[in-house]
Amino acid sequence: MINRLIINDSANNDNSIVTLSEQKLNELQLLRADMVMLKSKQCKETICIVLPDNTCPNDGIQMTRIVRNNLRVPMFCIAVKMRRSCA
């Protein structure tokens, strides 16, 4: 399950959590608190917990600055691939 999403800044201070819209969670067949692997164009990977957020746009993902730095991607970039983690 792979999808490209636009990166937005998160108001959450937890560096292990990313948020998606409820509609996008259903579209990707993800459940609340699922672990997902995020991968950037530079082949940097990180694993985060996904939570629903109604303020998040349907084509976007909200993550903290630390997660963006781990992936080496700037804000508003369309460079994240997401898939469900088996861990």
C-alpha atoms as a PDB file:
ATOM      1  CA  MET A   1       0.000   0.000   0.000  1.00  0.00           C
ATOM      2  CA  ILE A   2       1.836   3.099  -1.250  1.00  0.00           C
ATOM      3  CA  ASN A   3       0.605   6.681  -1.399  1.00  0.00           C
ATOM      4  CA  ARG A   4       2.123  10.133  -1.957  1.00  0.00           C
ATOM      5  CA  LEU A   5       1.068  12.833   0.487  1.00  0.00           C
ATOM      6  CA  ILE A   6       1.738  16.550   0.977  1.00  0.00           C
ATOM      7  CA  ILE A   7       3.641  17.223   4.203  1.00  0.00           C
ATOM      8  CA  ASN A   8       2.210  19.728   6.697  1.00  0.00           C
ATOM      9  CA  ASP A   9       3.428  20.797  10.120  1.00  0.00           C
ATOM     10  CA  SER A  10       1.873  19.070  13.110  1.00  0.00           C
ATOM     11  CA  ALA A  11       0.688  20.729  16.311  1.00  0.00           C
ATOM     12  CA  ASN A  12       1.412  17.466  18.127  1.00  0.00           C
ATOM     13  CA  ASN A  13       4.713  17.395  20.028  1.00  0.00           C
ATOM     14  CA  ASP A  14       5.098  13.617  19.900  1.00  0.00           C
ATOM     15  CA  ASN A  15       7.789  12.716  17.359  1.00  0.00           C
ATOM     16  CA  SER A  16       6.478   9.190  16.823  1.00  0.00           C
ATOM     17  CA  ILE A  17       3.018  10.259  15.610  1.00  0.00           C
ATOM     18  CA  VAL A  18       1.779  11.427  12.213  1.00  0.00           C
ATOM     19  CA  THR A  19      -1.825  12.375  11.449  1.00  0.00           C
ATOM     20  CA  LEU A  20      -4.057  11.808   8.434  1.00  0.00           C
ATOM     21  CA  SER A  21      -7.660  12.657   7.657  1.00  0.00           C
ATOM     22  CA  GLU A  22     -10.286  10.069   8.563  1.00  0.00           C
ATOM     23  CA  GLN A  23     -11.176   9.687   4.872  1.00  0.00           C
ATOM     24  CA  LYS A  24      -7.538   9.002   3.914  1.00  0.00           C
ATOM     25  CA  LEU A  25      -7.210   6.425   6.725  1.00  0.00           C
ATOM     26  CA  ASN A  26     -10.235   4.581   5.339  1.00  0.00           C
ATOM     27  CA  GLU A  27      -8.936   4.849   1.767  1.00  0.00           C
ATOM     28  CA  LEU A  28      -5.568   3.370   2.784  1.00  0.00           C
ATOM     29  CA  GLN A  29      -7.281   0.742   4.963  1.00  0.00           C
ATOM     30  CA  LEU A  30      -5.391   1.894   8.040  1.00  0.00           C
ATOM     31  CA  LEU A  31      -6.696   1.763  11.583  1.00  0.00           C
ATOM     32  CA  ARG A  32      -6.159   4.203  14.419  1.00  0.00           C
ATOM     33  CA  ALA A  33      -2.678   3.692  15.965  1.00  0.00           C
ATOM     34  CA  ASP A  34      -1.361   1.533  13.093  1.00  0.00           C
ATOM     35  CA  MET A  35       2.372   1.624  12.533  1.00  0.00           C
ATOM     36  CA  VAL A  36       3.371   2.900   9.096  1.00  0.00           C
ATOM     37  CA  MET A  37       6.700   3.143   7.316  1.00  0.00           C
ATOM     38  CA  LEU A  38       7.373   6.520   5.686  1.00  0.00           C
ATOM     39  CA  LYS A  39       9.936   6.686   2.905  1.00  0.00           C
ATOM     40  CA  SER A  40      11.294   9.810   1.192  1.00  0.00           C
ATOM     41  CA  LYS A  41      12.706  10.269  -2.305  1.00  0.00           C
ATOM     42  CA  GLN A  42      16.187  10.181  -0.750  1.00  0.00           C
ATOM     43  CA  CYS A  43      15.409   6.614   0.447  1.00  0.00           C
ATOM     44  CA  LYS A  44      15.322   7.688   4.098  1.00  0.00           C
ATOM     45  CA  GLU A  45      12.843   5.679   6.155  1.00  0.00           C
ATOM     46  CA  THR A  46      11.160   6.037   9.526  1.00  0.00           C
ATOM     47  CA  ILE A  47       8.322   4.269  11.308  1.00  0.00           C
ATOM     48  CA  CYS A  48       5.527   6.256  12.953  1.00  0.00           C
ATOM     49  CA  ILE A  49       2.116   5.711  14.494  1.00  0.00           C
ATOM     50  CA  VAL A  50      -0.761   7.112  12.449  1.00  0.00           C
ATOM     51  CA  LEU A  51      -3.740   8.846  14.075  1.00  0.00           C
ATOM     52  CA  PRO A  52      -6.845  10.464  12.545  1.00  0.00           C
ATOM     53  CA  ASP A  53      -7.243  14.254  12.545  1.00  0.00           C
ATOM     54  CA  ASN A  54     -10.191  16.072  10.984  1.00  0.00           C
ATOM     55  CA  THR A  55      -8.153  19.269  10.515  1.00  0.00           C
ATOM     56  CA  CYS A  56      -5.694  17.496   8.207  1.00  0.00           C
ATOM     57  CA  PRO A  57      -6.376  17.873   4.456  1.00  0.00           C
ATOM     58  CA  ASN A  58      -7.321  14.696   2.602  1.00  0.00           C
ATOM     59  CA  ASP A  59      -4.192  14.716   0.426  1.00  0.00           C
ATOM     60  CA  GLY A  60      -1.860  15.671   3.280  1.00  0.00           C
ATOM     61  CA  ILE A  61      -0.006  14.246   6.246  1.00  0.00           C
ATOM     62  CA  GLN A  62       0.927  16.148   9.386  1.00  0.00           C
ATOM     63  CA  MET A  63       4.279  15.434  11.013  1.00  0.00           C
ATOM     64  CA  THR A  64       6.704  17.195  13.339  1.00  0.00           C
ATOM     65  CA  ARG A  65       9.930  18.879  12.314  1.00  0.00           C
ATOM     66  CA  ILE A  66      11.942  15.981  13.785  1.00  0.00           C
ATOM     67  CA  VAL A  67      10.198  13.410  11.572  1.00  0.00           C
ATOM     68  CA  ARG A  68      10.694  15.661   8.515  1.00  0.00           C
ATOM     69  CA  ASN A  69      14.389  15.983   9.374  1.00  0.00           C
ATOM     70  CA  ASN A  70      14.709  12.198   9.729  1.00  0.00           C
ATOM     71  CA  LEU A  71      13.213  11.807   6.255  1.00  0.00           C
ATOM     72  CA  ARG A  72      15.249  14.756   4.876  1.00  0.00           C
ATOM     73  CA  VAL A  73      12.144  16.394   3.367  1.00  0.00           C
ATOM     74  CA  PRO A  74      10.944  20.017   3.588  1.00  0.00           C
ATOM     75  CA  MET A  75       7.453  21.090   4.525  1.00  0.00           C
ATOM     76  CA  PHE A  76       4.844  21.107   1.693  1.00  0.00           C
ATOM     77  CA  CYS A  77       6.868  18.549  -0.246  1.00  0.00           C
ATOM     78  CA  ILE A  78       5.063  15.710  -2.073  1.00  0.00           C
ATOM     79  CA  ALA A  79       7.782  13.199  -1.405  1.00  0.00           C
ATOM     80  CA  VAL A  80       6.486  10.728   1.169  1.00  0.00           C
ATOM     81  CA  LYS A  81       5.491   7.175   0.322  1.00  0.00           C
ATOM     82  CA  MET A  82       3.533   5.361   3.001  1.00  0.00           C
ATOM     83  CA  ARG A  83       2.904   1.699   3.581  1.00  0.00           C
ATOM     84  CA  ARG A  84       1.723  -0.370   6.496  1.00  0.00           C
ATOM     85  CA  SER A  85       4.543  -1.725   8.644  1.00  0.00           C
ATOM     86  CA  CYS A  86       4.655  -5.394   9.554  1.00  0.00           C
ATOM     87  CA  ALA A  87       6.365  -4.712  12.884  1.00  0.00           C
END
